[in-house]
Amino acid sequence: MALQSLQITALTAMRARDVSRPTREQQEGADARPLRDEMPRREPRRGDRPRGEPRRG
């Protein structure tokens, strides 16, 4: 209910936009890393087993 009376001014909106913007270093780092879809799939570690498969032993 309290959120219905909340008014966002232009100044508040501009501040929120500036805060959420990454720094130049953060942006360059993100641009240098491959996207998740572009990364090769990792091989399962030894000892890992698919879900639902009972443990042998």
N, C-alpha and C. Protein backbone atom coordinates (compact mmCIF):
# COMPACT_ATOMS: atom_id res chain seq x y z
N MET A 1 0.81 -1.20 0.00
CA MET A 1 0.00 0.00 0.00
C MET A 1 0.85 1.27 0.00
N ALA A 2 1.95 1.21 0.72
CA ALA A 2 2.78 2.41 0.81
C ALA A 2 3.43 2.74 -0.53
N LEU A 3 3.66 1.73 -1.35
CA LEU A 3 4.30 1.97 -2.63
C LEU A 3 3.40 2.71 -3.61
N GLN A 4 2.12 2.66 -3.40
CA GLN A 4 1.20 3.35 -4.31
C GLN A 4 1.37 4.86 -4.22
N SER A 5 1.77 5.35 -3.06
CA SER A 5 1.91 6.79 -2.89
C SER A 5 3.33 7.27 -3.19
N LEU A 6 4.23 6.36 -3.55
CA LEU A 6 5.61 6.72 -3.83
C LEU A 6 5.69 7.49 -5.14
N GLN A 7 6.33 8.64 -5.11
CA GLN A 7 6.49 9.45 -6.31
C GLN A 7 7.97 9.53 -6.64
N ILE A 8 8.31 9.20 -7.86
CA ILE A 8 9.70 9.27 -8.30
C ILE A 8 9.88 10.54 -9.12
N THR A 9 10.76 11.38 -8.64
CA THR A 9 11.02 12.63 -9.35
C THR A 9 12.08 12.38 -10.42
N ALA A 10 12.26 13.35 -11.29
CA ALA A 10 13.27 13.23 -12.34
C ALA A 10 14.66 13.11 -11.72
N LEU A 11 14.92 13.84 -10.65
CA LEU A 11 16.23 13.79 -10.00
C LEU A 11 16.49 12.39 -9.43
N THR A 12 15.48 11.80 -8.79
CA THR A 12 15.63 10.45 -8.24
C THR A 12 15.89 9.44 -9.35
N ALA A 13 15.21 9.57 -10.46
CA ALA A 13 15.39 8.65 -11.58
C ALA A 13 16.80 8.77 -12.16
N MET A 14 17.31 10.00 -12.27
CA MET A 14 18.65 10.19 -12.82
C MET A 14 19.70 9.62 -11.87
N ARG A 15 19.52 9.80 -10.58
CA ARG A 15 20.46 9.24 -9.60
C ARG A 15 20.47 7.71 -9.69
N ALA A 16 19.30 7.10 -9.78
CA ALA A 16 19.21 5.65 -9.85
C ALA A 16 19.89 5.14 -11.12
N ARG A 17 19.74 5.85 -12.21
CA ARG A 17 20.37 5.44 -13.46
C ARG A 17 21.88 5.52 -13.35
N ASP A 18 22.41 6.58 -12.73
CA ASP A 18 23.85 6.73 -12.58
C ASP A 18 24.44 5.68 -11.67
N VAL A 19 23.74 5.32 -10.62
CA VAL A 19 24.24 4.32 -9.67
C VAL A 19 24.29 2.95 -10.32
N SER A 20 23.31 2.64 -11.17
CA SER A 20 23.26 1.31 -11.76
C SER A 20 24.19 1.16 -12.96
N ARG A 21 24.80 2.23 -13.42
CA ARG A 21 25.69 2.17 -14.57
C ARG A 21 27.05 1.63 -14.14
N PRO A 22 27.60 0.63 -14.84
CA PRO A 22 28.92 0.09 -14.44
C PRO A 22 30.02 1.09 -14.74
N THR A 23 31.13 0.97 -14.00
CA THR A 23 32.28 1.81 -14.27
C THR A 23 32.93 1.34 -15.57
N ARG A 24 33.84 2.15 -16.08
CA ARG A 24 34.54 1.79 -17.32
C ARG A 24 35.31 0.48 -17.16
N GLU A 25 35.97 0.30 -16.00
CA GLU A 25 36.73 -0.93 -15.76
C GLU A 25 35.81 -2.14 -15.73
N GLN A 26 34.66 -2.00 -15.07
CA GLN A 26 33.71 -3.11 -15.01
C GLN A 26 33.18 -3.45 -16.39
N GLN A 27 32.89 -2.44 -17.19
CA GLN A 27 32.35 -2.67 -18.53
C GLN A 27 33.39 -3.33 -19.42
N GLU A 28 34.65 -2.88 -19.33
CA GLU A 28 35.71 -3.48 -20.15
C GLU A 28 35.96 -4.93 -19.74
N GLY A 29 35.90 -5.21 -18.44
CA GLY A 29 36.06 -6.57 -17.97
C GLY A 29 34.96 -7.48 -18.47
N ALA A 30 33.74 -6.98 -18.44
CA ALA A 30 32.61 -7.77 -18.92
C ALA A 30 32.70 -7.99 -20.43
N ASP A 31 33.16 -7.00 -21.15
CA ASP A 31 33.29 -7.15 -22.61
C ASP A 31 34.38 -8.15 -22.97
N ALA A 32 35.41 -8.26 -22.13
CA ALA A 32 36.53 -9.16 -22.42
C ALA A 32 36.17 -10.62 -22.14
N ARG A 33 35.25 -10.86 -21.21
CA ARG A 33 34.88 -12.24 -20.86
C ARG A 33 33.91 -12.80 -21.89
N PRO A 34 34.03 -14.09 -22.20
CA PRO A 34 33.06 -14.68 -23.13
C PRO A 34 31.70 -14.84 -22.46
N LEU A 35 30.67 -14.83 -23.26
CA LEU A 35 29.34 -15.03 -22.72
C LEU A 35 29.19 -16.47 -22.26
N ARG A 36 28.25 -16.72 -21.39
CA ARG A 36 28.05 -18.06 -20.86
C ARG A 36 27.79 -19.06 -21.99
N ASP A 37 27.03 -18.64 -23.00
CA ASP A 37 26.73 -19.53 -24.12
C ASP A 37 27.96 -19.83 -24.97
N GLU A 38 28.95 -18.95 -24.94
CA GLU A 38 30.14 -19.12 -25.76
C GLU A 38 31.21 -19.96 -25.07
N MET A 39 31.05 -20.22 -23.77
CA MET A 39 32.06 -20.97 -23.02
C MET A 39 31.85 -22.46 -23.24
N PRO A 40 32.96 -23.20 -23.33
CA PRO A 40 32.82 -24.66 -23.48
C PRO A 40 32.27 -25.27 -22.20
N ARG A 41 31.54 -26.35 -22.36
CA ARG A 41 31.00 -27.03 -21.19
C ARG A 41 32.12 -27.71 -20.43
N ARG A 42 32.03 -27.63 -19.11
CA ARG A 42 33.05 -28.27 -18.28
C ARG A 42 32.77 -29.76 -18.18
N GLU A 43 33.83 -30.52 -18.15
CA GLU A 43 33.68 -31.95 -17.94
C GLU A 43 33.33 -32.18 -16.48
N PRO A 44 32.50 -33.18 -16.19
CA PRO A 44 32.17 -33.44 -14.79
C PRO A 44 33.41 -33.88 -14.03
N ARG A 45 33.49 -33.43 -12.77
CA ARG A 45 34.64 -33.81 -11.95
C ARG A 45 34.55 -35.27 -11.57
N ARG A 46 35.68 -35.84 -11.26
CA ARG A 46 35.67 -37.23 -10.81
C ARG A 46 34.87 -37.32 -9.53
N GLY A 47 34.04 -38.32 -9.42
CA GLY A 47 33.21 -38.49 -8.23
C GLY A 47 31.83 -37.91 -8.41
N ASP A 48 31.67 -36.99 -9.36
CA ASP A 48 30.34 -36.44 -9.61
C ASP A 48 29.53 -37.47 -10.38
N ARG A 49 28.27 -37.54 -10.09
CA ARG A 49 27.42 -38.47 -10.78
C ARG A 49 26.15 -37.74 -11.20
N PRO A 50 25.53 -38.18 -12.27
CA PRO A 50 24.28 -37.55 -12.70
C PRO A 50 23.22 -37.63 -11.61
N ARG A 51 22.31 -36.67 -11.61
CA ARG A 51 21.25 -36.66 -10.61
C ARG A 51 20.39 -37.90 -10.71
N GLY A 52 19.99 -38.41 -9.57
CA GLY A 52 19.11 -39.54 -9.54
C GLY A 52 19.82 -40.89 -9.65
N GLU A 53 21.11 -40.84 -9.96
CA GLU A 53 21.84 -42.10 -10.07
C GLU A 53 22.31 -42.50 -8.68
N PRO A 54 22.00 -43.73 -8.26
CA PRO A 54 22.39 -44.14 -6.90
C PRO A 54 23.91 -44.23 -6.76
N ARG A 55 24.35 -44.01 -5.55
CA ARG A 55 25.77 -44.09 -5.25
C ARG A 55 26.20 -45.56 -5.18
N ARG A 56 27.31 -45.86 -5.80
CA ARG A 56 27.82 -47.24 -5.76
C ARG A 56 28.70 -47.38 -4.53
N GLY A 57 28.65 -48.57 -3.92
CA GLY A 57 29.58 -48.72 -2.85
C GLY A 57 29.17 -49.70 -1.88
